[in-house]
Amino acid sequence: MPVTAYALAAARHMHEFGTTPEQLAAVAVSARAWACGNPRAWSREALTVADVLAAPRVSDPLGVRDCCLVTDGGGAIVVMAEERAAALGLADAVRVLGVAEAHSHRHITAMASLVHTAASVSGGRAFAEAGVGTGDVDSAQLYDAFTITPILFLEDLGFCAKGDGGPFAASGALGPGEMIAVDLDGDTG
């Protein structure tokens, strides 16, 4: 655990939608392409679909390269009123336009559906509050512990139709210079 639980979700997605190991591998390849330009990335050497597929299996259908490289870390965002940011001279501060959350289960094995996440609820709420849609998004920092998770979130957030996440990832849409910048830290694979 938890790789076995996410392997279950990946296997279900493969069964329902025909997602392939090569499509899952494309997620890791895109993440590594971002890492190649990140001096703080855990691993910066190039990665290919063949590399991902040749890696030892951990819990079929997921292998070593389908799993994130670093599982512990932290981050912080300081949230303040726009007026306070201006008073502090933070002209380059990022404006938060919309926020939402949703919860559907405590553990992945308790999900009502292994291929639908609560992002379908929270994403719609956040987009509505912000007054934007997926076409307005340049970068999405998604939970990417395993190659299946960005696929599920991209679908549930509406960047592609349910079941089209695998082909979307395999198209190269997630890498540098492509349609949407996903997971710039490059820690999967």
Protein backbone atom coordinates (compact mmCIF):
# COMPACT_ATOMS: atom_id res chain seq x y z
CA MET A 1 0.00 0.00 0.00
CA PRO A 2 -0.62 2.58 -1.38
CA VAL A 3 0.76 1.46 -4.75
CA THR A 4 -1.55 -1.54 -4.76
CA ALA A 5 -4.62 0.67 -4.33
CA TYR A 6 -3.59 2.91 -7.22
CA ALA A 7 -2.71 -0.14 -9.31
CA LEU A 8 -6.32 -1.20 -8.76
CA ALA A 9 -7.52 2.19 -10.05
CA ALA A 10 -5.17 1.96 -13.03
CA ALA A 11 -6.34 -1.56 -13.85
CA ARG A 12 -9.96 -0.45 -13.66
CA HIS A 13 -9.31 2.53 -15.94
CA MET A 14 -7.56 0.21 -18.39
CA HIS A 15 -10.53 -2.17 -18.29
CA GLU A 16 -13.21 0.51 -18.71
CA PHE A 17 -11.51 2.79 -21.21
CA GLY A 18 -8.72 0.83 -22.88
CA THR A 19 -5.96 2.89 -21.27
CA THR A 20 -2.60 1.31 -22.06
CA PRO A 21 0.65 0.96 -20.14
CA GLU A 22 2.24 3.19 -22.80
CA GLN A 23 -0.29 5.94 -22.03
CA LEU A 24 0.41 5.68 -18.31
CA ALA A 25 4.13 5.82 -19.10
CA ALA A 26 3.59 9.05 -21.05
CA VAL A 27 2.68 10.75 -17.75
CA ALA A 28 6.06 9.82 -16.25
CA VAL A 29 7.87 10.85 -19.44
CA SER A 30 6.21 14.29 -19.38
CA ALA A 31 7.01 14.74 -15.68
CA ARG A 32 10.65 13.84 -16.31
CA ALA A 33 10.80 16.29 -19.24
CA TRP A 34 9.84 19.01 -16.75
CA ALA A 35 12.42 17.71 -14.28
CA CYS A 36 15.20 17.93 -16.86
CA GLY A 37 14.95 21.71 -16.63
CA ASN A 38 14.53 21.85 -12.85
CA PRO A 39 17.83 21.99 -10.91
CA ARG A 40 15.97 20.98 -7.74
CA ALA A 41 14.35 17.90 -9.25
CA TRP A 42 15.19 14.56 -7.68
CA SER A 43 16.15 13.01 -11.03
CA ARG A 44 16.93 14.95 -14.20
CA GLU A 45 18.06 12.40 -16.76
CA ALA A 46 15.78 11.78 -19.75
CA LEU A 47 13.15 9.07 -19.52
CA THR A 48 11.38 7.27 -22.36
CA VAL A 49 8.19 5.24 -22.56
CA ALA A 50 10.41 2.18 -23.13
CA ASP A 51 12.29 2.95 -19.89
CA VAL A 52 9.04 3.13 -17.94
CA LEU A 53 7.73 -0.11 -19.44
CA ALA A 54 11.03 -1.94 -18.82
CA ALA A 55 11.15 -0.98 -15.13
CA PRO A 56 10.38 -3.71 -12.59
CA ARG A 57 6.70 -4.14 -11.76
CA VAL A 58 5.70 -3.09 -8.23
CA SER A 59 1.99 -3.90 -8.38
CA ASP A 60 0.72 -4.69 -11.85
CA PRO A 61 0.03 -2.66 -13.93
CA LEU A 62 2.29 -0.15 -12.14
CA GLY A 63 6.05 -0.40 -12.19
CA VAL A 64 8.82 1.49 -10.44
CA ARG A 65 8.69 4.34 -12.99
CA ASP A 66 4.91 4.73 -12.55
CA CYS A 67 5.50 5.76 -8.94
CA CYS A 68 6.62 9.13 -7.62
CA LEU A 69 10.28 9.44 -6.70
CA VAL A 70 9.75 11.47 -3.55
CA THR A 71 6.83 10.80 -1.27
CA ASP A 72 7.48 13.19 1.58
CA GLY A 73 7.77 16.91 1.29
CA GLY A 74 6.08 20.11 2.06
CA GLY A 75 4.99 23.34 0.62
CA ALA A 76 3.27 26.45 1.76
CA ILE A 77 1.21 29.23 0.35
CA VAL A 78 0.81 32.46 2.26
CA VAL A 79 -2.66 33.86 1.69
CA MET A 80 -3.43 37.50 2.40
CA ALA A 81 -5.73 40.28 1.27
CA GLU A 82 -4.78 42.05 -1.93
CA GLU A 83 -4.37 45.31 -0.03
CA ARG A 84 -1.91 43.70 2.39
CA ALA A 85 0.15 42.27 -0.47
CA ALA A 86 0.30 45.71 -2.07
CA ALA A 87 1.33 47.32 1.23
CA LEU A 88 4.18 44.79 1.48
CA GLY A 89 5.30 45.59 -2.05
CA LEU A 90 4.39 42.16 -3.40
CA ALA A 91 3.47 43.32 -6.88
CA ASP A 92 4.07 39.85 -8.34
CA ALA A 93 1.70 38.13 -5.89
CA VAL A 94 -0.69 35.60 -7.39
CA ARG A 95 -4.40 36.34 -7.12
CA VAL A 96 -6.59 33.47 -5.97
CA LEU A 97 -9.72 33.55 -8.09
CA GLY A 98 -11.48 30.41 -6.95
CA VAL A 99 -11.18 27.76 -4.28
CA ALA A 100 -13.17 24.61 -3.62
CA GLU A 101 -12.81 21.27 -1.95
CA ALA A 102 -14.64 17.97 -2.00
CA HIS A 103 -14.16 14.69 -0.22
CA SER A 104 -15.58 11.34 -1.23
CA HIS A 105 -13.66 8.68 0.68
CA ARG A 106 -10.98 8.08 3.26
CA HIS A 107 -9.05 5.45 1.33
CA ILE A 108 -8.92 4.75 -2.39
CA THR A 109 -10.39 1.27 -1.92
CA ALA A 110 -13.53 2.93 -0.50
CA MET A 111 -14.14 5.01 -3.62
CA ALA A 112 -17.60 4.56 -5.09
CA SER A 113 -15.87 4.34 -8.47
CA LEU A 114 -12.15 3.77 -8.95
CA VAL A 115 -12.19 5.97 -12.05
CA HIS A 116 -14.07 9.02 -10.71
CA THR A 117 -12.59 11.37 -8.12
CA ALA A 118 -13.95 14.23 -6.03
CA ALA A 119 -12.09 16.59 -8.39
CA SER A 120 -15.17 16.46 -10.62
CA VAL A 121 -17.02 18.30 -7.84
CA SER A 122 -14.29 20.58 -6.44
CA GLY A 123 -12.94 21.50 -9.88
CA GLY A 124 -16.33 22.59 -11.16
CA ARG A 125 -16.89 24.72 -8.06
CA ALA A 126 -13.45 26.36 -8.25
CA PHE A 127 -13.77 27.09 -11.97
CA ALA A 128 -17.24 28.58 -11.41
CA GLU A 129 -16.06 30.77 -8.52
CA ALA A 130 -13.09 31.97 -10.56
CA GLY A 131 -15.17 32.55 -13.67
CA VAL A 132 -12.75 30.57 -15.83
CA GLY A 133 -12.67 27.25 -17.64
CA THR A 134 -10.05 24.71 -18.55
CA GLY A 135 -9.14 26.72 -21.65
CA ASP A 136 -7.95 29.52 -19.38
CA VAL A 137 -5.51 27.28 -17.48
CA ASP A 138 -1.83 27.23 -18.44
CA SER A 139 -0.56 25.06 -15.60
CA ALA A 140 -2.11 22.44 -13.33
CA GLN A 141 -0.25 21.09 -10.33
CA LEU A 142 -2.01 17.79 -9.75
CA TYR A 143 -1.41 15.03 -7.26
CA ASP A 144 0.91 12.70 -9.18
CA ALA A 145 1.92 9.95 -6.79
CA PHE A 146 1.28 7.42 -9.57
CA THR A 147 0.86 7.81 -13.32
CA ILE A 148 -2.87 7.08 -13.09
CA THR A 149 -3.63 10.01 -10.76
CA PRO A 150 -2.99 12.90 -13.18
CA ILE A 151 -5.02 11.03 -15.80
CA LEU A 152 -7.97 10.74 -13.41
CA PHE A 153 -7.72 14.39 -12.37
CA LEU A 154 -7.34 15.73 -15.92
CA GLU A 155 -10.52 13.90 -16.84
CA ASP A 156 -12.47 14.87 -13.74
CA LEU A 157 -11.43 18.51 -14.00
CA GLY A 158 -12.60 18.61 -17.61
CA PHE A 159 -9.32 18.97 -19.48
CA CYS A 160 -10.40 15.92 -21.48
CA ALA A 161 -13.41 13.60 -21.51
CA LYS A 162 -13.70 10.71 -19.07
CA GLY A 163 -11.70 7.87 -20.54
CA ASP A 164 -9.59 10.12 -22.77
CA GLY A 165 -6.87 10.87 -20.21
CA GLY A 166 -4.56 8.14 -21.49
CA PRO A 167 -4.61 9.32 -25.12
CA PHE A 168 -4.39 12.94 -23.89
CA ALA A 169 -1.19 12.14 -21.94
CA ALA A 170 0.22 10.06 -24.81
CA SER A 171 -0.31 12.97 -27.22
CA GLY A 172 2.44 14.84 -25.39
CA ALA A 173 -0.01 17.52 -24.20
CA LEU A 174 1.49 17.60 -20.68
CA GLY A 175 5.15 18.27 -21.40
CA PRO A 176 7.15 21.47 -21.78
CA GLY A 177 5.87 23.71 -24.55
CA GLU A 178 2.66 21.75 -24.97
CA MET A 179 -1.04 22.28 -24.23
CA ILE A 180 -0.94 22.36 -20.42
CA ALA A 181 1.98 22.36 -18.02
CA VAL A 182 1.28 19.54 -15.56
CA ASP A 183 3.34 18.82 -12.46
CA LEU A 184 6.36 20.98 -13.09
CA ASP A 185 8.35 19.43 -10.24
CA GLY A 186 8.80 16.27 -12.31
CA ASP A 187 8.73 13.82 -9.42
CA THR A 188 6.96 10.88 -11.11
CA GLY A 189 9.10 8.33 -12.92
